[in-house]
Amino acid sequence: MHLLMRMGWCPGQGLGKNNEGPVDPIALDIKMDKKGLVAEEELVRNLPAQLVSKRGATDGGAGGGVKNPVSMLYEMCAKRKVSVPVYEQVSEEGPAHRKNFTFKVIMGGVEYQPSVSSANKKLAKALAASVCLQSLGLLPKNKR
């Protein structure tokens, strides 16, 4: 702003040679979460309905959202003082540009594996964790 004012610009004037440019400052859309630039449709499509908040993404903080099933499983293990779950990749299918992944979670010597694969590894782990939480009775079963 100081540089523009040295060149003769005054607040309220438009930018450019003939003052035709935008007058209002550009509004910033500040992203406060650390989820990356993932499309909501991709995130919502692969998660069970119980894990999707009203905004369409899983949310670990305050604001009425639901925690990620992977973090829920780790918290449950910490509270019950049992060994942490181990995630293993079961399959990786499809061409290089469109892979589908399936993960299983091993907890207490029992394996939990979803029946569907996912478009990325993070969602595949979340699906495995949700299957484990459902079988332990901590999440309601899917109605799909």
N, C-alpha and C. Protein backbone atom coordinates (compact mmCIF):
# COMPACT_ATOMS: atom_id res chain seq x y z
N MET A 1 0.83 -1.19 0.00
CA MET A 1 0.00 0.00 0.00
C MET A 1 0.88 1.25 0.00
N HIS A 2 1.94 1.21 0.80
CA HIS A 2 2.83 2.37 0.85
C HIS A 2 3.50 2.60 -0.50
N LEU A 3 3.87 1.55 -1.17
CA LEU A 3 4.48 1.69 -2.49
C LEU A 3 3.51 2.30 -3.48
N LEU A 4 2.26 1.85 -3.44
CA LEU A 4 1.25 2.42 -4.33
C LEU A 4 1.01 3.90 -4.02
N MET A 5 0.99 4.24 -2.74
CA MET A 5 0.74 5.63 -2.36
C MET A 5 1.89 6.54 -2.81
N ARG A 6 3.11 6.01 -2.81
CA ARG A 6 4.24 6.80 -3.32
C ARG A 6 4.11 7.08 -4.80
N MET A 7 3.42 6.18 -5.50
CA MET A 7 3.23 6.37 -6.95
C MET A 7 1.97 7.17 -7.27
N GLY A 8 1.29 7.71 -6.26
CA GLY A 8 0.15 8.58 -6.51
C GLY A 8 -1.21 7.94 -6.31
N TRP A 9 -1.26 6.72 -5.90
CA TRP A 9 -2.54 6.04 -5.68
C TRP A 9 -3.13 6.46 -4.35
N CYS A 10 -4.44 6.59 -4.28
CA CYS A 10 -5.14 6.91 -3.04
C CYS A 10 -6.16 5.83 -2.75
N PRO A 11 -6.41 5.53 -1.48
CA PRO A 11 -7.43 4.53 -1.15
C PRO A 11 -8.77 4.91 -1.76
N GLY A 12 -9.45 3.93 -2.35
CA GLY A 12 -10.73 4.17 -3.01
C GLY A 12 -10.61 4.27 -4.52
N GLN A 13 -9.39 4.47 -5.03
CA GLN A 13 -9.19 4.53 -6.48
C GLN A 13 -8.98 3.12 -7.01
N GLY A 14 -9.28 2.94 -8.27
CA GLY A 14 -9.01 1.67 -8.91
C GLY A 14 -7.55 1.55 -9.28
N LEU A 15 -7.11 0.33 -9.51
CA LEU A 15 -5.73 0.11 -9.91
C LEU A 15 -5.59 0.22 -11.42
N GLY A 16 -4.40 0.39 -11.88
CA GLY A 16 -4.13 0.45 -13.31
C GLY A 16 -3.86 1.85 -13.79
N LYS A 17 -3.50 1.95 -15.08
CA LYS A 17 -3.12 3.24 -15.66
C LYS A 17 -4.26 4.26 -15.61
N ASN A 18 -5.49 3.82 -15.89
CA ASN A 18 -6.65 4.73 -15.92
C ASN A 18 -7.56 4.54 -14.71
N ASN A 19 -7.05 3.98 -13.64
CA ASN A 19 -7.83 3.73 -12.43
C ASN A 19 -9.08 2.91 -12.70
N GLU A 20 -9.00 1.95 -13.62
CA GLU A 20 -10.15 1.11 -13.99
C GLU A 20 -10.16 -0.22 -13.25
N GLY A 21 -9.11 -0.52 -12.55
CA GLY A 21 -8.98 -1.83 -11.90
C GLY A 21 -9.89 -1.97 -10.70
N PRO A 22 -9.80 -3.11 -10.05
CA PRO A 22 -10.66 -3.36 -8.89
C PRO A 22 -10.38 -2.38 -7.76
N VAL A 23 -11.46 -1.95 -7.12
CA VAL A 23 -11.36 -1.01 -6.02
C VAL A 23 -11.31 -1.76 -4.69
N ASP A 24 -12.13 -2.79 -4.57
CA ASP A 24 -12.18 -3.56 -3.33
C ASP A 24 -11.02 -4.54 -3.26
N PRO A 25 -10.48 -4.75 -2.08
CA PRO A 25 -9.40 -5.73 -1.95
C PRO A 25 -9.92 -7.14 -2.20
N ILE A 26 -9.03 -8.00 -2.59
CA ILE A 26 -9.40 -9.39 -2.84
C ILE A 26 -9.68 -10.06 -1.51
N ALA A 27 -10.85 -10.70 -1.41
CA ALA A 27 -11.22 -11.40 -0.18
C ALA A 27 -10.48 -12.73 -0.12
N LEU A 28 -9.88 -13.00 1.01
CA LEU A 28 -9.13 -14.24 1.19
C LEU A 28 -10.02 -15.30 1.81
N ASP A 29 -9.89 -16.51 1.32
CA ASP A 29 -10.58 -17.65 1.91
C ASP A 29 -9.52 -18.42 2.69
N ILE A 30 -9.47 -18.19 3.98
CA ILE A 30 -8.42 -18.78 4.81
C ILE A 30 -8.83 -20.19 5.21
N LYS A 31 -7.94 -21.13 4.96
CA LYS A 31 -8.17 -22.53 5.26
C LYS A 31 -7.53 -22.83 6.61
N MET A 32 -8.34 -23.20 7.59
CA MET A 32 -7.83 -23.42 8.94
C MET A 32 -7.48 -24.88 9.23
N ASP A 33 -8.03 -25.83 8.48
CA ASP A 33 -7.70 -27.23 8.75
C ASP A 33 -6.47 -27.64 7.98
N LYS A 34 -5.99 -28.83 8.22
CA LYS A 34 -4.77 -29.31 7.58
C LYS A 34 -5.07 -30.52 6.70
N LYS A 35 -6.22 -30.51 6.05
CA LYS A 35 -6.65 -31.67 5.28
C LYS A 35 -6.21 -31.66 3.84
N GLY A 36 -5.61 -30.60 3.38
CA GLY A 36 -5.20 -30.53 1.99
C GLY A 36 -6.33 -30.03 1.11
N LEU A 37 -6.08 -30.04 -0.16
CA LEU A 37 -7.06 -29.52 -1.11
C LEU A 37 -7.81 -30.68 -1.76
N VAL A 38 -8.49 -31.49 -0.96
CA VAL A 38 -9.23 -32.64 -1.45
C VAL A 38 -10.66 -32.23 -1.72
N ALA A 39 -11.19 -32.70 -2.83
CA ALA A 39 -12.58 -32.41 -3.15
C ALA A 39 -13.49 -33.11 -2.14
N GLU A 40 -14.54 -32.43 -1.71
CA GLU A 40 -15.46 -33.01 -0.73
C GLU A 40 -16.10 -34.28 -1.25
N GLU A 41 -16.41 -34.33 -2.55
CA GLU A 41 -17.07 -35.50 -3.11
C GLU A 41 -16.21 -36.74 -2.94
N GLU A 42 -14.91 -36.61 -3.15
CA GLU A 42 -14.01 -37.75 -3.03
C GLU A 42 -13.95 -38.23 -1.58
N LEU A 43 -13.92 -37.31 -0.64
CA LEU A 43 -13.83 -37.66 0.76
C LEU A 43 -15.13 -38.30 1.24
N VAL A 44 -16.26 -37.76 0.85
CA VAL A 44 -17.55 -38.23 1.31
C VAL A 44 -17.92 -39.55 0.66
N ARG A 45 -17.55 -39.76 -0.57
CA ARG A 45 -17.95 -40.93 -1.34
C ARG A 45 -17.47 -42.22 -0.68
N ASN A 46 -16.32 -42.21 -0.05
CA ASN A 46 -15.72 -43.44 0.43
C ASN A 46 -15.85 -43.69 1.92
N LEU A 47 -16.36 -42.75 2.69
CA LEU A 47 -16.47 -42.95 4.12
C LEU A 47 -17.88 -43.37 4.51
N PRO A 48 -18.02 -44.15 5.57
CA PRO A 48 -19.35 -44.50 6.05
C PRO A 48 -20.13 -43.26 6.46
N ALA A 49 -21.44 -43.34 6.38
CA ALA A 49 -22.30 -42.19 6.63
C ALA A 49 -22.15 -41.65 8.05
N GLN A 50 -21.83 -42.51 9.03
CA GLN A 50 -21.73 -42.06 10.41
C GLN A 50 -20.52 -41.16 10.62
N LEU A 51 -19.52 -41.25 9.74
CA LEU A 51 -18.29 -40.51 9.94
C LEU A 51 -18.25 -39.19 9.21
N VAL A 52 -19.27 -38.88 8.45
CA VAL A 52 -19.27 -37.67 7.64
C VAL A 52 -20.02 -36.58 8.39
N SER A 53 -19.37 -35.43 8.57
CA SER A 53 -20.03 -34.32 9.26
C SER A 53 -20.92 -33.58 8.28
N LYS A 54 -21.59 -32.55 8.74
CA LYS A 54 -22.51 -31.79 7.89
C LYS A 54 -21.80 -31.07 6.76
N ARG A 55 -20.52 -30.74 6.96
CA ARG A 55 -19.77 -30.06 5.92
C ARG A 55 -19.23 -31.01 4.88
N GLY A 56 -19.26 -32.32 5.14
CA GLY A 56 -18.81 -33.27 4.14
C GLY A 56 -17.43 -33.82 4.36
N ALA A 57 -16.76 -33.45 5.44
CA ALA A 57 -15.42 -33.97 5.70
C ALA A 57 -15.33 -34.39 7.14
N THR A 58 -14.40 -35.26 7.44
CA THR A 58 -14.21 -35.63 8.83
C THR A 58 -13.47 -34.51 9.53
N ASP A 59 -13.75 -34.36 10.80
CA ASP A 59 -13.21 -33.22 11.51
C ASP A 59 -12.75 -33.67 12.89
N GLY A 60 -11.54 -33.37 13.23
CA GLY A 60 -11.01 -33.78 14.51
C GLY A 60 -11.18 -32.76 15.60
N GLY A 61 -11.52 -31.53 15.29
CA GLY A 61 -11.60 -30.49 16.30
C GLY A 61 -13.00 -30.18 16.72
N ALA A 62 -13.16 -29.05 17.39
CA ALA A 62 -14.47 -28.61 17.83
C ALA A 62 -15.26 -28.13 16.65
N GLY A 63 -16.53 -27.95 16.86
CA GLY A 63 -17.36 -27.45 15.79
C GLY A 63 -18.40 -28.45 15.35
N GLY A 64 -18.63 -29.51 16.11
CA GLY A 64 -19.70 -30.42 15.81
C GLY A 64 -19.33 -31.53 14.84
N GLY A 65 -18.10 -31.62 14.40
CA GLY A 65 -17.71 -32.66 13.46
C GLY A 65 -17.46 -33.98 14.17
N VAL A 66 -17.08 -34.98 13.40
CA VAL A 66 -16.81 -36.31 13.92
C VAL A 66 -15.34 -36.62 13.68
N LYS A 67 -14.72 -37.34 14.59
CA LYS A 67 -13.30 -37.64 14.46
C LYS A 67 -13.05 -38.68 13.37
N ASN A 68 -11.85 -38.65 12.88
CA ASN A 68 -11.40 -39.64 11.92
C ASN A 68 -11.38 -41.00 12.61
N PRO A 69 -11.82 -42.08 11.93
CA PRO A 69 -11.85 -43.39 12.58
C PRO A 69 -10.47 -43.89 12.99
N VAL A 70 -9.41 -43.50 12.27
CA VAL A 70 -8.07 -43.92 12.64
C VAL A 70 -7.70 -43.31 13.99
N SER A 71 -7.96 -42.03 14.18
CA SER A 71 -7.65 -41.39 15.47
C SER A 71 -8.56 -41.91 16.57
N MET A 72 -9.82 -42.22 16.24
CA MET A 72 -10.73 -42.79 17.24
C MET A 72 -10.20 -44.14 17.73
N LEU A 73 -9.68 -44.95 16.81
CA LEU A 73 -9.15 -46.25 17.19
C LEU A 73 -7.91 -46.12 18.07
N TYR A 74 -7.01 -45.18 17.72
CA TYR A 74 -5.83 -44.94 18.55
C TYR A 74 -6.23 -44.46 19.95
N GLU A 75 -7.21 -43.56 20.02
CA GLU A 75 -7.66 -43.06 21.32
C GLU A 75 -8.26 -44.18 22.16
N MET A 76 -9.04 -45.05 21.51
CA MET A 76 -9.66 -46.16 22.22
C MET A 76 -8.58 -47.10 22.77
N CYS A 77 -7.53 -47.34 22.00
CA CYS A 77 -6.43 -48.20 22.47
C CYS A 77 -5.70 -47.55 23.64
N ALA A 78 -5.52 -46.24 23.58
CA ALA A 78 -4.85 -45.54 24.68
C ALA A 78 -5.69 -45.58 25.96
N LYS A 79 -7.00 -45.39 25.83
CA LYS A 79 -7.88 -45.41 27.00
C LYS A 79 -7.94 -46.78 27.64
N ARG A 80 -7.98 -47.83 26.80
CA ARG A 80 -8.09 -49.20 27.31
C ARG A 80 -6.72 -49.82 27.61
N LYS A 81 -5.67 -49.07 27.33
CA LYS A 81 -4.29 -49.53 27.56
C LYS A 81 -4.01 -50.86 26.88
N VAL A 82 -4.37 -50.92 25.60
CA VAL A 82 -4.06 -52.10 24.77
C VAL A 82 -3.07 -51.67 23.70
N SER A 83 -2.48 -52.65 23.02
CA SER A 83 -1.48 -52.33 22.01
C SER A 83 -2.11 -51.56 20.85
N VAL A 84 -1.31 -50.72 20.22
CA VAL A 84 -1.82 -49.90 19.13
C VAL A 84 -2.14 -50.77 17.92
N PRO A 85 -3.10 -50.36 17.11
CA PRO A 85 -3.44 -51.14 15.92
C PRO A 85 -2.34 -51.06 14.87
N VAL A 86 -2.22 -52.13 14.10
CA VAL A 86 -1.23 -52.19 13.03
C VAL A 86 -1.99 -52.24 11.71
N TYR A 87 -1.65 -51.34 10.79
CA TYR A 87 -2.31 -51.30 9.48
C TYR A 87 -1.40 -51.96 8.45
N GLU A 88 -1.99 -52.82 7.63
CA GLU A 88 -1.24 -53.48 6.56
C GLU A 88 -2.00 -53.33 5.26
N GLN A 89 -1.26 -53.09 4.20
CA GLN A 89 -1.88 -53.00 2.88
C GLN A 89 -2.13 -54.40 2.36
N VAL A 90 -3.38 -54.68 2.00
CA VAL A 90 -3.76 -56.00 1.51
C VAL A 90 -3.63 -56.08 0.00
N SER A 91 -4.13 -55.06 -0.68
CA SER A 91 -4.07 -55.09 -2.14
C SER A 91 -3.92 -53.68 -2.71
N GLU A 92 -3.40 -53.67 -3.91
CA GLU A 92 -3.23 -52.44 -4.69
C GLU A 92 -3.58 -52.82 -6.12
N GLU A 93 -4.73 -52.36 -6.60
CA GLU A 93 -5.22 -52.80 -7.90
C GLU A 93 -5.43 -51.61 -8.82
N GLY A 94 -5.41 -51.89 -10.10
CA GLY A 94 -5.71 -50.88 -11.09
C GLY A 94 -4.47 -50.29 -11.73
N PRO A 95 -4.69 -49.49 -12.79
CA PRO A 95 -3.56 -48.86 -13.47
C PRO A 95 -2.91 -47.79 -12.58
N ALA A 96 -1.71 -47.38 -12.96
CA ALA A 96 -0.93 -46.46 -12.13
C ALA A 96 -1.66 -45.14 -11.87
N HIS A 97 -2.46 -44.69 -12.80
CA HIS A 97 -3.14 -43.40 -12.62
C HIS A 97 -4.46 -43.52 -11.88
N ARG A 98 -4.91 -44.74 -11.59
CA ARG A 98 -6.20 -44.93 -10.93
C ARG A 98 -6.18 -46.18 -10.05
N LYS A 99 -5.35 -46.16 -9.04
CA LYS A 99 -5.21 -47.32 -8.17
C LYS A 99 -6.31 -47.34 -7.11
N ASN A 100 -6.63 -48.54 -6.66
CA ASN A 100 -7.53 -48.76 -5.54
C ASN A 100 -6.78 -49.56 -4.49
N PHE A 101 -6.92 -49.16 -3.23
CA PHE A 101 -6.17 -49.76 -2.15
C PHE A 101 -7.12 -50.40 -1.15
N THR A 102 -6.67 -51.49 -0.56
CA THR A 102 -7.39 -52.14 0.52
C THR A 102 -6.40 -52.35 1.66
N PHE A 103 -6.78 -51.91 2.85
CA PHE A 103 -5.96 -52.08 4.05
C PHE A 103 -6.72 -52.93 5.05
N LYS A 104 -5.99 -53.58 5.93
CA LYS A 104 -6.60 -54.26 7.07
C LYS A 104 -5.92 -53.72 8.32
N VAL A 105 -6.63 -53.83 9.42
CA VAL A 105 -6.07 -53.41 10.70
C VAL A 105 -6.03 -54.64 11.60
N ILE A 106 -4.90 -54.81 12.27
CA ILE A 106 -4.73 -55.94 13.19
C ILE A 106 -4.66 -55.36 14.59
N MET A 107 -5.59 -55.83 15.43
CA MET A 107 -5.65 -55.33 16.80
C MET A 107 -5.97 -56.49 17.72
N GLY A 108 -5.11 -56.73 18.66
CA GLY A 108 -5.32 -57.83 19.61
C GLY A 108 -5.30 -59.19 18.93
N GLY A 109 -4.55 -59.32 17.85
CA GLY A 109 -4.46 -60.59 17.14
C GLY A 109 -5.62 -60.85 16.19
N VAL A 110 -6.56 -59.94 16.10
CA VAL A 110 -7.72 -60.10 15.21
C VAL A 110 -7.57 -59.14 14.04
N GLU A 111 -7.86 -59.64 12.84
CA GLU A 111 -7.77 -58.81 11.63
C GLU A 111 -9.16 -58.29 11.25
N TYR A 112 -9.20 -57.02 10.91
CA TYR A 112 -10.43 -56.38 10.46
C TYR A 112 -10.15 -55.79 9.09
N GLN A 113 -10.96 -56.20 8.10
CA GLN A 113 -10.73 -55.75 6.73
C GLN A 113 -12.06 -55.37 6.09
N PRO A 114 -12.12 -54.20 5.44
CA PRO A 114 -13.36 -53.82 4.75
C PRO A 114 -13.55 -54.63 3.48
N SER A 115 -14.78 -54.69 3.01
CA SER A 115 -15.07 -55.45 1.79
C SER A 115 -14.88 -54.62 0.53
N VAL A 116 -14.67 -53.31 0.69
CA VAL A 116 -14.48 -52.44 -0.47
C VAL A 116 -13.10 -51.81 -0.44
N SER A 117 -12.63 -51.42 -1.61
CA SER A 117 -11.35 -50.73 -1.70
C SER A 117 -11.60 -49.23 -1.81
N SER A 118 -10.51 -48.46 -1.74
CA SER A 118 -10.64 -47.01 -1.76
C SER A 118 -9.65 -46.40 -2.74
N ALA A 119 -9.92 -45.16 -3.14
CA ALA A 119 -9.11 -44.50 -4.16
C ALA A 119 -7.76 -44.03 -3.64
N ASN A 120 -7.61 -43.90 -2.32
CA ASN A 120 -6.29 -43.54 -1.79
C ASN A 120 -6.04 -44.26 -0.48
N LYS A 121 -4.80 -44.26 -0.05
CA LYS A 121 -4.39 -45.03 1.12
C LYS A 121 -5.00 -44.50 2.41
N LYS A 122 -5.12 -43.20 2.52
CA LYS A 122 -5.67 -42.60 3.73
C LYS A 122 -7.12 -43.05 3.96
N LEU A 123 -7.92 -43.03 2.90
CA LEU A 123 -9.31 -43.47 3.03
C LEU A 123 -9.40 -44.97 3.25
N ALA A 124 -8.48 -45.72 2.66
CA ALA A 124 -8.48 -47.17 2.86
C ALA A 124 -8.20 -47.51 4.32
N LYS A 125 -7.27 -46.78 4.95
CA LYS A 125 -7.00 -46.98 6.38
C LYS A 125 -8.22 -46.59 7.22
N ALA A 126 -8.87 -45.50 6.83
CA ALA A 126 -10.06 -45.05 7.57
C ALA A 126 -11.17 -46.08 7.47
N LEU A 127 -11.33 -46.70 6.31
CA LEU A 127 -12.35 -47.74 6.16
C LEU A 127 -12.03 -48.95 7.02
N ALA A 128 -10.77 -49.35 7.06
CA ALA A 128 -10.37 -50.48 7.89
C ALA A 128 -10.61 -50.18 9.37
N ALA A 129 -10.27 -48.97 9.79
CA ALA A 129 -10.49 -48.58 11.19
C ALA A 129 -11.98 -48.53 11.52
N SER A 130 -12.80 -48.07 10.57
CA SER A 130 -14.24 -48.01 10.83
C SER A 130 -14.84 -49.42 10.93
N VAL A 131 -14.34 -50.37 10.14
CA VAL A 131 -14.80 -51.76 10.26
C VAL A 131 -14.46 -52.30 11.64
N CYS A 132 -13.25 -52.01 12.12
CA CYS A 132 -12.83 -52.44 13.46
C CYS A 132 -13.72 -51.82 14.54
N LEU A 133 -13.95 -50.52 14.44
CA LEU A 133 -14.78 -49.84 15.43
C LEU A 133 -16.22 -50.34 15.40
N GLN A 134 -16.73 -50.67 14.21
CA GLN A 134 -18.08 -51.21 14.11
C GLN A 134 -18.18 -52.58 14.75
N SER A 135 -17.17 -53.42 14.53
CA SER A 135 -17.22 -54.76 15.11
C SER A 135 -17.05 -54.72 16.64
N LEU A 136 -16.38 -53.69 17.14
CA LEU A 136 -16.24 -53.52 18.59
C LEU A 136 -17.44 -52.83 19.22
N GLY A 137 -18.38 -52.39 18.38
CA GLY A 137 -19.59 -51.75 18.88
C GLY A 137 -19.43 -50.28 19.20
N LEU A 138 -18.34 -49.66 18.75
CA LEU A 138 -18.13 -48.24 19.03
C LEU A 138 -18.71 -47.35 17.95
N LEU A 139 -19.03 -47.91 16.79
CA LEU A 139 -19.70 -47.19 15.71
C LEU A 139 -20.89 -48.03 15.27
N PRO A 140 -22.00 -47.39 14.92
CA PRO A 140 -23.14 -48.17 14.41
C PRO A 140 -22.80 -48.78 13.05
N LYS A 141 -23.43 -49.90 12.75
CA LYS A 141 -23.19 -50.59 11.47
C LYS A 141 -23.76 -49.76 10.33
N ASN A 142 -23.14 -49.90 9.14
CA ASN A 142 -23.65 -49.22 7.93
C ASN A 142 -24.98 -49.82 7.52
N LYS A 143 -25.84 -48.98 6.99
CA LYS A 143 -27.14 -49.45 6.51
C LYS A 143 -27.16 -49.57 5.01
N ARG A 144 -25.99 -49.55 4.36
CA ARG A 144 -25.93 -49.63 2.90
C ARG A 144 -25.95 -51.06 2.45
